[in-house]
Amino acid sequence: MKKIFLFIGILSMSFLNAQDITDALRYSQQDVLGTARFRAMSGAFGALGGDLSALQINPAGSAVFLNSYGSLTLSTKHIDNDAAYFNRLSNRNSKNVNLNQIGSVFIYRNQNNESSGVNKISLGLAYDQTTDNANKLFASGRSSNSVSGLFLNEAQGLPLKLISRRTGESIEDLYSFLGENEGYRAQQAFLGYEAFIIEPNDPDNLDSTSYFSNIAPGFFDQEYYLESTGLNGKFTINGGVQVNNNFYLGINLNSHFINYDKVTKFIEGNNNTGSTTNEITFINKLSTTGAGFSAQIGGIAKVNEMIRLGVSYESPTWYLIEEETTQKLETISDTDGRSVVDPRIINVFPEYKLRTPAKATGSIALIFSQQGLISLDYSYKDYSTIKISSDEGGNFANLNNDIRSNLQGTSTIKIGTEWRLDNWSFRSGYSFEESPYKKDFILGDKTGYSIGLGYSFGKFKIDASYDYTKQEYTEQFYSNPNFTNFAIIDNYTQNITVSVGMNF
């Protein structure tokens, strides 16, 4: 398969403004993942520490450990997506298993701290999955708006000679030429013309720039499939200290990665009088990889035997991201039969930069001796500060303006509790995250609940948890003024997580 390099603005590709914001958000958000104890308490660990995944929230938590400790976590995920599309409901579910977390923290006690006040020093090394990109959804319904409008909109104003193959020129050759020299818009116009979806009003004039659709108005039976895979994660080097018995300080240096693949398939059929093309199948594939860096600092204070306070700051993550796309279009026409337009070209877009928002967290915990605890975290993150840029000539001014206009600062609240009975621990939690959109019908607030238990064998520990989240969002198939169809998705996610840990 050939590769072509499109030295054009990366986000002038298929998804345009609204979907670009969605993509930027995907790499800017993090789920409550990690150890079973962490998830059972909905991640409310900012003032607690003593858990390897608590380092995600407050790096000072490593110095809370009494002994060196290591843990490993596996999780199963079950997703249910209910899609509403033109009064028709559809469901698609999926399952997968992931290694959520693995790491260790090493504790070094200062045997003589009279002069320095430093009681102990901690060093942590950890891997944490931050987002699971695996997902499936399906929407089906009858619409009065045809996807042909997408191709017609992209073609208007382009000369016929630009999107017409010359003698001996292959589909691959012209699609590649258009991508390298004209960009995404011309490629879509070519696909639509080659597959007999659109025709020029004046076919004998190669300079003609106006087109019409071979699909007549009426009703259209449509199906939309989406499947995504991959995950985002980070590797952390942590350092922490305990000072004067009551204060803990810490710092994280994080190396991030992105691995995201998405395939969408749109099928449309019609029996409208006047239509010469009756079926369309449009397939798009997107592959994204990226690497980034961030840092965190934090502190925890023992106010007294009962109250713990925590504060932490996470810098923006600075990513370098690369994306590739492929496309395929099939149609069935009364006059031309089946047409398959498969360029077999990988569009390789220039590398671009993404800066995600910073996050600040304040925490409080109430410790009831050895019996139990209650913990609360509050975090603030301003998604309107997301910024995309490029050193390779891409112009993202309009996209960044859209981000500032459509996104907002958000608050997240997490509450967790844990109670002990002999060697058993019983836990539960609640989380609420505001929508990053000013108009929350695009992406609604997220609510989560969790429970779990653990058993300590002394040196070894085993923990298990169950957590559930729900969120409503809009899945827009393509961002195009002539085809704005979307489905409303009710997403329900369940996770079962098991962790094993060892003091050493």
Protein backbone atom coordinates (compact mmCIF):
# COMPACT_ATOMS: atom_id res chain seq x y z
CA MET A 1 0.00 0.00 0.00
CA LYS A 2 1.34 3.40 -0.97
CA LYS A 3 1.93 6.24 1.43
CA ILE A 4 1.42 9.90 0.57
CA PHE A 5 2.49 12.81 2.70
CA LEU A 6 -0.05 15.60 2.91
CA PHE A 7 1.70 18.80 3.90
CA ILE A 8 -1.54 20.56 4.66
CA GLY A 9 -3.23 21.57 7.90
CA ILE A 10 -3.67 18.30 9.75
CA LEU A 11 -7.15 19.10 10.96
CA SER A 12 -8.55 20.15 7.61
CA MET A 13 -9.22 16.47 7.16
CA SER A 14 -12.48 14.64 7.47
CA PHE A 15 -13.70 15.79 10.83
CA LEU A 16 -13.39 19.58 10.69
CA ASN A 17 -14.08 21.82 13.66
CA ALA A 18 -16.54 20.02 15.94
CA GLN A 19 -14.89 16.64 15.62
CA ASP A 20 -11.45 18.15 15.97
CA ILE A 21 -12.48 19.41 19.38
CA THR A 22 -13.67 15.92 20.21
CA ASP A 23 -10.33 14.47 19.19
CA ALA A 24 -8.44 17.05 21.26
CA LEU A 25 -10.64 16.21 24.26
CA ARG A 26 -10.01 12.51 23.83
CA TYR A 27 -6.32 13.02 24.48
CA SER A 28 -6.89 15.59 27.24
CA GLN A 29 -9.17 13.54 29.49
CA GLN A 30 -8.29 10.79 31.92
CA ASP A 31 -10.52 8.11 33.41
CA VAL A 32 -10.51 6.80 36.98
CA LEU A 33 -8.20 3.86 36.34
CA GLY A 34 -5.58 2.20 38.50
CA THR A 35 -5.49 -0.19 41.46
CA ALA A 36 -8.65 -1.86 42.74
CA ARG A 37 -8.43 0.07 46.02
CA PHE A 38 -8.08 3.37 44.13
CA ARG A 39 -11.04 2.57 41.87
CA ALA A 40 -13.21 1.28 44.72
CA MET A 41 -12.95 4.74 46.31
CA SER A 42 -13.50 6.52 42.95
CA GLY A 43 -9.95 7.87 43.00
CA ALA A 44 -10.44 10.13 46.03
CA PHE A 45 -6.84 9.83 47.24
CA GLY A 46 -5.41 13.35 47.07
CA ALA A 47 -4.97 13.65 50.85
CA LEU A 48 -4.31 9.97 51.54
CA GLY A 49 -1.48 8.49 49.49
CA GLY A 50 -0.27 5.04 50.42
CA ASP A 51 -1.50 3.60 47.10
CA LEU A 52 0.50 3.47 43.87
CA SER A 53 -2.35 4.90 41.78
CA ALA A 54 -2.74 7.74 44.28
CA LEU A 55 0.44 9.12 42.71
CA GLN A 56 -1.73 10.03 39.69
CA ILE A 57 -3.50 12.59 41.89
CA ASN A 58 -0.84 13.71 44.35
CA PRO A 59 2.83 12.68 44.00
CA ALA A 60 3.38 13.29 47.72
CA GLY A 61 1.41 10.10 48.33
CA SER A 62 4.50 7.94 47.79
CA ALA A 63 6.09 9.20 51.02
CA VAL A 64 3.04 8.03 52.99
CA PHE A 65 4.00 4.38 52.48
CA LEU A 66 5.42 2.78 55.61
CA ASN A 67 7.39 0.17 53.67
CA SER A 68 8.55 -0.43 50.14
CA TYR A 69 5.62 -1.76 48.14
CA GLY A 70 4.71 -3.08 44.68
CA SER A 71 1.41 -3.85 42.98
CA LEU A 72 -0.06 -5.12 39.74
CA THR A 73 -3.63 -4.60 38.47
CA LEU A 74 -5.84 -6.24 35.86
CA SER A 75 -9.29 -5.03 34.86
CA THR A 76 -12.19 -6.21 32.71
CA LYS A 77 -14.33 -3.58 31.01
CA HIS A 78 -17.89 -3.90 29.71
CA ILE A 79 -19.39 -1.09 27.61
CA ASP A 80 -23.04 -0.66 26.64
CA ASN A 81 -23.91 2.04 24.10
CA ASP A 82 -27.59 2.80 23.50
CA ALA A 83 -27.97 4.90 20.36
CA ALA A 84 -31.05 6.96 19.47
CA TYR A 85 -31.24 7.97 15.81
CA PHE A 86 -34.48 9.34 14.31
CA ASN A 87 -36.67 7.63 16.92
CA ARG A 88 -34.98 4.28 16.47
CA LEU A 89 -33.00 2.72 19.32
CA SER A 90 -29.97 0.48 18.81
CA ASN A 91 -27.52 -1.16 21.19
CA ARG A 92 -23.94 -2.32 20.87
CA ASN A 93 -21.76 -3.69 23.67
CA SER A 94 -18.13 -4.73 23.96
CA LYS A 95 -15.72 -6.26 26.46
CA ASN A 96 -11.97 -6.23 26.95
CA VAL A 97 -9.24 -6.92 29.50
CA ASN A 98 -6.34 -4.58 30.30
CA LEU A 99 -3.25 -4.29 32.46
CA ASN A 100 -4.24 -1.08 34.26
CA GLN A 101 -1.25 -0.56 36.49
CA ILE A 102 2.09 -1.92 37.60
CA GLY A 103 4.69 -0.27 39.78
CA SER A 104 6.72 -0.06 42.95
CA VAL A 105 7.68 2.51 45.54
CA PHE A 106 10.92 2.24 47.53
CA ILE A 107 11.15 3.74 51.02
CA TYR A 108 14.41 4.94 52.56
CA ARG A 109 14.22 5.94 56.21
CA ASN A 110 16.53 8.60 57.63
CA GLN A 111 17.89 7.12 60.82
CA ASN A 112 19.24 10.48 61.93
CA ASN A 113 16.87 13.29 60.96
CA GLU A 114 17.53 15.70 63.80
CA SER A 115 19.37 18.18 61.59
CA SER A 116 17.42 17.87 58.33
CA GLY A 117 13.94 17.08 59.59
CA VAL A 118 13.55 14.55 56.76
CA ASN A 119 12.05 11.33 58.12
CA LYS A 120 12.07 9.30 54.93
CA ILE A 121 12.58 9.51 51.19
CA SER A 122 10.51 7.67 48.58
CA LEU A 123 11.22 6.73 45.00
CA GLY A 124 8.40 5.44 42.80
CA LEU A 125 8.34 3.84 39.35
CA ALA A 126 4.94 3.16 37.82
CA TYR A 127 2.95 2.52 34.67
CA ASP A 128 -0.70 3.61 34.63
CA GLN A 129 -3.26 3.29 31.89
CA THR A 130 -5.01 6.67 31.68
CA THR A 131 -7.67 5.99 29.04
CA ASP A 132 -9.12 2.88 27.43
CA ASN A 133 -9.96 3.77 23.82
CA ALA A 134 -11.79 0.52 23.06
CA ASN A 135 -15.40 1.18 22.08
CA LYS A 136 -18.16 0.01 19.74
CA LEU A 137 -21.42 1.64 18.75
CA PHE A 138 -24.15 1.19 16.16
CA ALA A 139 -26.92 3.57 15.10
CA SER A 140 -29.73 2.90 12.64
CA GLY A 141 -32.62 5.03 11.46
CA ARG A 142 -34.52 6.63 8.58
CA SER A 143 -33.50 10.18 7.68
CA SER A 144 -34.58 12.73 5.06
CA ASN A 145 -30.97 13.89 4.72
CA SER A 146 -28.61 11.94 2.44
CA VAL A 147 -24.87 11.55 2.96
CA SER A 148 -24.56 12.53 -0.70
CA GLY A 149 -24.76 16.12 0.53
CA LEU A 150 -21.28 15.70 2.02
CA PHE A 151 -19.71 14.94 -1.36
CA LEU A 152 -21.79 17.57 -3.14
CA ASN A 153 -20.75 20.25 -0.66
CA GLU A 154 -17.06 19.44 -1.06
CA ALA A 155 -17.25 19.41 -4.86
CA GLN A 156 -19.00 22.74 -5.44
CA GLY A 157 -16.53 25.28 -6.75
CA LEU A 158 -13.92 22.75 -7.87
CA PRO A 159 -13.34 22.42 -11.64
CA LEU A 160 -14.38 19.16 -13.21
CA LYS A 161 -10.94 18.71 -14.79
CA LEU A 162 -9.41 18.57 -11.29
CA ILE A 163 -11.43 15.55 -10.13
CA SER A 164 -11.62 13.70 -13.48
CA ARG A 165 -9.16 10.92 -14.28
CA ARG A 166 -7.10 11.35 -17.40
CA THR A 167 -6.46 8.58 -19.90
CA GLY A 168 -4.39 5.87 -18.22
CA GLU A 169 -4.62 7.52 -14.78
CA SER A 170 -5.65 5.19 -11.93
CA ILE A 171 -7.84 5.92 -8.94
CA GLU A 172 -4.75 5.64 -6.74
CA ASP A 173 -2.83 8.13 -8.87
CA LEU A 174 -5.46 10.87 -8.84
CA TYR A 175 -6.42 10.40 -5.18
CA SER A 176 -2.73 10.63 -4.28
CA PHE A 177 -2.19 13.72 -6.46
CA LEU A 178 -5.19 15.49 -4.95
CA GLY A 179 -4.06 14.71 -1.44
CA GLU A 180 -0.55 15.98 -2.02
CA ASN A 181 -1.57 19.13 -3.88
CA GLU A 182 -5.19 20.04 -3.06
CA GLY A 183 -6.07 18.37 0.25
CA TYR A 184 -9.00 16.58 1.80
CA ARG A 185 -11.81 18.52 0.12
CA ALA A 186 -10.70 17.60 -3.41
CA GLN A 187 -10.26 13.96 -2.38
CA GLN A 188 -13.88 13.76 -1.17
CA ALA A 189 -15.16 15.43 -4.33
CA PHE A 190 -13.22 12.91 -6.40
CA LEU A 191 -14.61 9.96 -4.42
CA GLY A 192 -18.17 11.20 -4.90
CA TYR A 193 -17.71 11.81 -8.62
CA GLU A 194 -15.91 8.54 -9.26
CA ALA A 195 -18.63 6.57 -7.43
CA PHE A 196 -21.49 8.25 -9.38
CA ILE A 197 -22.91 10.06 -6.36
CA ILE A 198 -22.48 13.49 -7.95
CA GLU A 199 -22.38 14.72 -11.53
CA PRO A 200 -21.38 18.03 -13.15
CA ASN A 201 -24.19 20.25 -14.40
CA ASP A 202 -22.20 20.72 -17.62
CA PRO A 203 -20.33 17.46 -18.26
CA ASP A 204 -18.86 18.69 -21.54
CA ASN A 205 -17.12 21.64 -19.88
CA LEU A 206 -14.03 20.59 -17.94
CA ASP A 207 -13.98 24.02 -16.30
CA SER A 208 -17.46 23.48 -14.87
CA THR A 209 -17.59 24.03 -11.09
CA SER A 210 -21.21 23.20 -10.24
CA TYR A 211 -22.62 19.73 -9.51
CA PHE A 212 -25.85 17.91 -8.70
CA SER A 213 -26.62 14.71 -6.83
CA ASN A 214 -27.67 11.45 -8.47
CA ILE A 215 -29.68 10.74 -5.34
CA ALA A 216 -33.20 12.19 -5.35
CA PRO A 217 -34.86 13.71 -2.26
CA GLY A 218 -36.93 11.42 -0.04
CA PHE A 219 -36.16 9.08 2.81
CA PHE A 220 -32.95 7.19 3.44
CA ASP A 221 -32.35 4.09 5.55
CA GLN A 222 -28.99 4.64 7.25
CA GLU A 223 -26.66 2.66 9.47
CA TYR A 224 -23.53 3.89 11.23
CA TYR A 225 -20.90 1.61 12.76
CA LEU A 226 -17.94 2.69 14.88
CA GLU A 227 -15.22 0.56 16.41
CA SER A 228 -12.17 1.95 18.18
CA THR A 229 -9.21 0.29 19.86
CA GLY A 230 -6.07 1.31 21.71
CA LEU A 231 -5.21 3.01 24.97
CA ASN A 232 -3.44 6.00 26.45
CA GLY A 233 -0.99 5.58 29.30
CA LYS A 234 1.93 7.06 31.15
CA PHE A 235 5.18 6.01 32.79
CA THR A 236 6.01 7.88 35.98
CA ILE A 237 9.20 8.54 37.91
CA ASN A 238 8.25 9.78 41.37
CA GLY A 239 10.19 11.26 44.26
CA GLY A 240 8.85 12.15 47.70
CA VAL A 241 9.89 13.08 51.23
CA GLN A 242 8.32 13.09 54.67
CA VAL A 243 9.35 16.13 56.71
CA ASN A 244 8.94 16.56 60.47
CA ASN A 245 6.54 13.60 60.59
CA ASN A 246 3.53 15.70 59.49
CA PHE A 247 4.36 16.91 55.99
CA TYR A 248 4.78 15.04 52.73
CA LEU A 249 6.09 16.50 49.47
CA GLY A 250 6.41 14.89 46.06
CA ILE A 251 7.08 15.34 42.38
CA ASN A 252 6.25 13.27 39.27
CA LEU A 253 7.87 13.28 35.85
CA ASN A 254 5.50 11.60 33.40
CA SER A 255 6.10 10.20 29.93
CA HIS A 256 2.79 9.76 28.05
CA PHE A 257 1.78 7.80 24.98
CA ILE A 258 -1.30 7.67 22.73
CA ASN A 259 -2.43 4.69 20.67
CA TYR A 260 -5.84 5.15 19.04
CA ASP A 261 -7.44 3.48 16.01
CA LYS A 262 -10.97 4.13 14.78
CA VAL A 263 -12.99 2.63 11.93
CA THR A 264 -16.34 4.07 10.88
CA LYS A 265 -18.72 2.59 8.33
CA PHE A 266 -21.77 4.44 7.02
CA ILE A 267 -24.39 2.63 4.92
CA GLU A 268 -27.28 4.34 3.16
CA GLY A 269 -30.04 2.95 0.97
CA ASN A 270 -33.00 4.50 -0.85
CA ASN A 271 -35.76 3.70 -3.31
CA ASN A 272 -36.58 7.31 -4.14
CA THR A 273 -38.06 8.08 -7.53
CA GLY A 274 -35.42 9.77 -9.66
CA SER A 275 -32.41 8.29 -7.86
CA THR A 276 -29.93 6.56 -10.13
CA THR A 277 -27.68 5.64 -7.19
CA ASN A 278 -29.46 3.66 -4.49
CA GLU A 279 -26.82 2.38 -2.06
CA ILE A 280 -23.73 3.99 -0.50
CA THR A 281 -21.13 2.44 1.80
CA PHE A 282 -18.49 4.87 3.10
CA ILE A 283 -15.59 3.54 5.21
CA ASN A 284 -13.02 5.71 7.02
CA LYS A 285 -10.08 4.59 9.15
CA LEU A 286 -8.08 6.81 11.47
CA SER A 287 -4.86 5.82 13.25
CA THR A 288 -3.30 8.11 15.85
CA THR A 289 -0.04 7.76 17.75
CA GLY A 290 1.57 10.27 20.05
CA ALA A 291 4.07 10.87 22.82
CA GLY A 292 4.12 13.56 25.49
CA PHE A 293 5.51 14.84 28.75
CA SER A 294 4.01 16.32 31.93
CA ALA A 295 5.02 17.01 35.52
CA GLN A 296 3.19 17.08 38.86
CA ILE A 297 3.93 18.48 42.30
CA GLY A 298 2.00 18.03 45.49
CA GLY A 299 1.91 18.07 49.25
CA ILE A 300 0.01 16.42 52.11
CA ALA A 301 -0.26 17.77 55.65
CA LYS A 302 -1.35 16.04 58.85
CA VAL A 303 -3.32 18.78 60.58
CA ASN A 304 -3.96 16.47 63.54
CA GLU A 305 -4.60 12.79 64.15
CA MET A 306 -7.93 13.04 62.32
CA ILE A 307 -7.55 15.55 59.47
CA ARG A 308 -5.33 15.30 56.39
CA LEU A 309 -5.12 18.02 53.73
CA GLY A 310 -3.68 17.64 50.24
CA VAL A 311 -2.96 19.92 47.32
CA SER A 312 -1.45 19.10 43.92
CA TYR A 313 -0.85 20.61 40.52
CA GLU A 314 -0.51 18.76 37.22
CA SER A 315 1.08 20.67 34.36
CA PRO A 316 -0.29 20.53 30.83
CA THR A 317 0.80 17.53 28.81
CA TRP A 318 2.76 18.51 25.72
CA TYR A 319 2.12 15.94 22.97
CA LEU A 320 3.53 15.35 19.52
CA ILE A 321 0.86 13.52 17.50
CA GLU A 322 0.83 11.79 14.12
CA GLU A 323 -2.29 10.68 12.24
CA GLU A 324 -3.00 8.50 9.23
CA THR A 325 -6.28 7.92 7.37
CA THR A 326 -7.61 5.61 4.68
CA GLN A 327 -10.94 5.74 2.84
CA LYS A 328 -13.13 3.51 0.72
CA LEU A 329 -16.43 4.26 -1.03
CA GLU A 330 -18.84 1.78 -2.64
CA THR A 331 -22.12 2.48 -4.46
CA ILE A 332 -24.81 0.61 -6.37
CA SER A 333 -26.33 2.45 -9.31
CA ASP A 334 -29.21 1.54 -11.60
CA THR A 335 -27.18 2.61 -14.61
CA ASP A 336 -23.58 1.82 -13.62
CA GLY A 337 -23.99 -1.20 -11.32
CA ARG A 338 -21.59 -1.61 -8.40
CA SER A 339 -18.73 0.88 -8.14
CA VAL A 340 -15.85 0.39 -5.72
CA VAL A 341 -13.55 3.36 -5.20
CA ASP A 342 -10.71 2.07 -3.05
CA PRO A 343 -7.59 4.25 -3.48
CA ARG A 344 -5.51 2.01 -1.19
CA ILE A 345 -3.61 5.09 -0.15
CA ILE A 346 -2.57 5.94 3.40
CA ASN A 347 -2.87 9.67 3.99
CA VAL A 348 -0.01 10.56 6.34
CA PHE A 349 -0.53 13.95 7.92
CA PRO A 350 2.18 16.22 9.30
CA GLU A 351 3.04 15.88 12.97
CA TYR A 352 1.27 18.42 15.17
CA LYS A 353 1.48 19.57 18.78
CA LEU A 354 -1.27 19.32 21.39
CA ARG A 355 -1.13 21.07 24.75
CA THR A 356 -3.72 19.71 27.19
CA PRO A 357 -5.08 21.67 30.18
CA ALA A 358 -3.36 21.87 33.54
CA LYS A 359 -5.22 20.52 36.58
CA ALA A 360 -5.30 21.66 40.22
CA THR A 361 -6.62 19.44 43.02
CA GLY A 362 -7.49 20.13 46.64
CA SER A 363 -8.24 17.27 49.03
CA ILE A 364 -9.33 16.55 52.58
CA ALA A 365 -9.53 13.26 54.45
CA LEU A 366 -10.89 12.31 57.85
CA ILE A 367 -9.06 9.43 59.53
CA PHE A 368 -10.87 7.50 62.25
CA SER A 369 -7.89 5.81 63.86
CA GLN A 370 -7.53 2.27 62.47
CA GLN A 371 -11.26 1.86 61.87
CA GLY A 372 -11.79 3.78 58.65
CA LEU A 373 -11.64 7.00 56.68
CA ILE A 374 -13.60 9.38 54.44
CA SER A 375 -11.86 11.27 51.66
CA LEU A 376 -12.89 14.05 49.25
CA ASP A 377 -11.08 15.46 46.21
CA TYR A 378 -12.00 18.55 44.21
CA SER A 379 -10.25 19.20 40.87
CA TYR A 380 -10.45 22.03 38.38
CA LYS A 381 -9.41 21.80 34.74
CA ASP A 382 -9.96 24.46 32.07
CA TYR A 383 -10.45 22.75 28.71
CA SER A 384 -10.69 26.08 26.88
CA THR A 385 -6.89 26.32 27.25
CA ILE A 386 -6.28 23.34 24.93
CA LYS A 387 -4.03 24.46 22.12
CA ILE A 388 -3.00 22.81 18.86
CA SER A 389 -0.03 24.00 16.81
CA SER A 390 2.50 22.77 14.27
CA ASP A 391 6.04 23.45 13.15
CA GLU A 392 5.18 22.14 9.69
CA GLY A 393 3.00 24.96 8.41
CA GLY A 394 -0.45 23.96 9.69
CA ASN A 395 -2.80 26.82 10.54
CA PHE A 396 -4.87 26.06 13.63
CA ALA A 397 -6.11 29.56 14.45
CA ASN A 398 -9.75 28.74 13.65
CA LEU A 399 -9.64 25.48 15.57
CA ASN A 400 -8.11 27.12 18.65
CA ASN A 401 -10.77 29.84 18.48
CA ASP A 402 -13.44 27.14 18.35
CA ILE A 403 -11.89 25.46 21.40
CA ARG A 404 -11.95 28.73 23.35
CA SER A 405 -15.54 29.42 22.28
CA ASN A 406 -17.02 25.98 22.91
CA LEU A 407 -15.12 24.52 25.86
CA GLN A 408 -15.00 25.60 29.49
CA GLY A 409 -13.43 25.02 32.87
CA THR A 410 -14.77 21.97 34.70
CA SER A 411 -15.03 20.77 38.28
CA THR A 412 -14.66 17.16 39.34
CA ILE A 413 -15.67 15.85 42.76
CA LYS A 414 -14.65 12.44 44.09
CA ILE A 415 -15.72 10.99 47.42
CA GLY A 416 -14.41 7.73 48.84
CA THR A 417 -14.60 5.81 52.08
CA GLU A 418 -12.91 2.75 53.54
CA TRP A 419 -13.67 0.77 56.73
CA ARG A 420 -11.68 -2.06 58.22
CA LEU A 421 -12.73 -5.18 60.10
CA ASP A 422 -9.81 -7.36 61.16
CA ASN A 423 -7.92 -8.10 57.93
CA TRP A 424 -10.83 -7.05 55.70
CA SER A 425 -11.38 -3.64 54.13
CA PHE A 426 -14.69 -2.43 52.69
CA ARG A 427 -14.81 0.52 50.30
CA SER A 428 -17.14 2.64 48.22
CA GLY A 429 -17.01 5.86 46.23
CA TYR A 430 -18.80 8.42 44.07
CA SER A 431 -17.53 10.72 41.33
CA PHE A 432 -19.03 13.57 39.32
CA GLU A 433 -17.32 15.30 36.40
CA GLU A 434 -18.76 18.32 34.62
CA SER A 435 -19.00 18.44 30.86
CA PRO A 436 -16.10 20.29 29.21
CA TYR A 437 -18.58 21.72 26.67
CA LYS A 438 -20.54 24.88 27.32
CA LYS A 439 -23.41 23.12 25.54
CA ASP A 440 -23.56 19.86 27.42
CA PHE A 441 -25.82 18.09 24.91
CA ILE A 442 -22.61 17.47 22.92
CA LEU A 443 -21.03 15.69 25.89
CA GLY A 444 -22.90 15.42 29.17
CA ASP A 445 -21.74 15.28 32.77
CA LYS A 446 -20.21 11.97 33.87
CA THR A 447 -21.38 10.23 37.04
CA GLY A 448 -19.73 7.21 38.62
CA TYR A 449 -20.24 4.81 41.54
CA SER A 450 -17.89 2.22 42.97
CA ILE A 451 -17.56 -0.47 45.62
CA GLY A 452 -14.82 -2.88 46.63
CA LEU A 453 -13.11 -4.94 49.28
CA GLY A 454 -9.65 -6.07 50.20
CA TYR A 455 -7.89 -8.61 52.36
CA SER A 456 -4.45 -8.31 53.93
CA PHE A 457 -2.33 -11.39 54.50
CA GLY A 458 0.29 -9.26 56.19
CA LYS A 459 3.01 -9.09 53.60
CA PHE A 460 0.62 -9.65 50.69
CA LYS A 461 -2.64 -7.89 49.84
CA ILE A 462 -5.41 -8.57 47.38
CA ASP A 463 -8.11 -6.08 46.41
CA ALA A 464 -11.14 -6.18 44.13
CA SER A 465 -13.54 -3.49 42.96
CA TYR A 466 -16.55 -2.82 40.78
CA ASP A 467 -17.23 0.59 39.27
CA TYR A 468 -19.95 1.96 37.03
CA THR A 469 -20.15 5.20 35.05
CA LYS A 470 -22.79 6.74 32.81
CA GLN A 471 -22.63 9.61 30.35
CA GLU A 472 -24.65 10.91 27.42
CA TYR A 473 -23.03 12.36 24.31
CA THR A 474 -23.66 13.25 20.68
CA GLU A 475 -21.95 11.19 17.99
CA GLN A 476 -21.83 13.37 14.87
CA PHE A 477 -21.12 11.19 11.87
CA TYR A 478 -19.41 13.86 9.76
CA SER A 479 -18.99 17.56 10.35
CA ASN A 480 -20.29 19.01 7.12
CA PRO A 481 -22.88 21.77 6.61
CA ASN A 482 -24.79 19.61 4.10
CA PHE A 483 -24.79 16.50 6.29
CA THR A 484 -25.07 17.17 10.00
CA ASN A 485 -26.76 13.94 11.12
CA PHE A 486 -25.91 12.60 14.57
CA ALA A 487 -26.99 10.00 17.10
CA ILE A 488 -27.54 10.47 20.83
CA ILE A 489 -25.51 7.90 22.78
CA ASP A 490 -26.19 6.76 26.34
CA ASN A 491 -22.93 5.19 27.46
CA TYR A 492 -22.79 2.79 30.41
CA THR A 493 -19.41 1.40 31.45
CA GLN A 494 -18.73 -1.29 34.07
CA ASN A 495 -15.33 -2.43 35.30
CA ILE A 496 -14.20 -5.27 37.55
CA THR A 497 -10.67 -4.77 38.82
CA VAL A 498 -8.31 -7.00 40.79
CA SER A 499 -4.98 -5.95 42.31
CA VAL A 500 -2.29 -7.87 44.11
CA GLY A 501 0.31 -6.07 46.21
CA MET A 502 3.33 -6.93 48.34
CA ASN A 503 5.31 -5.16 51.05
CA PHE A 504 9.07 -5.72 50.85
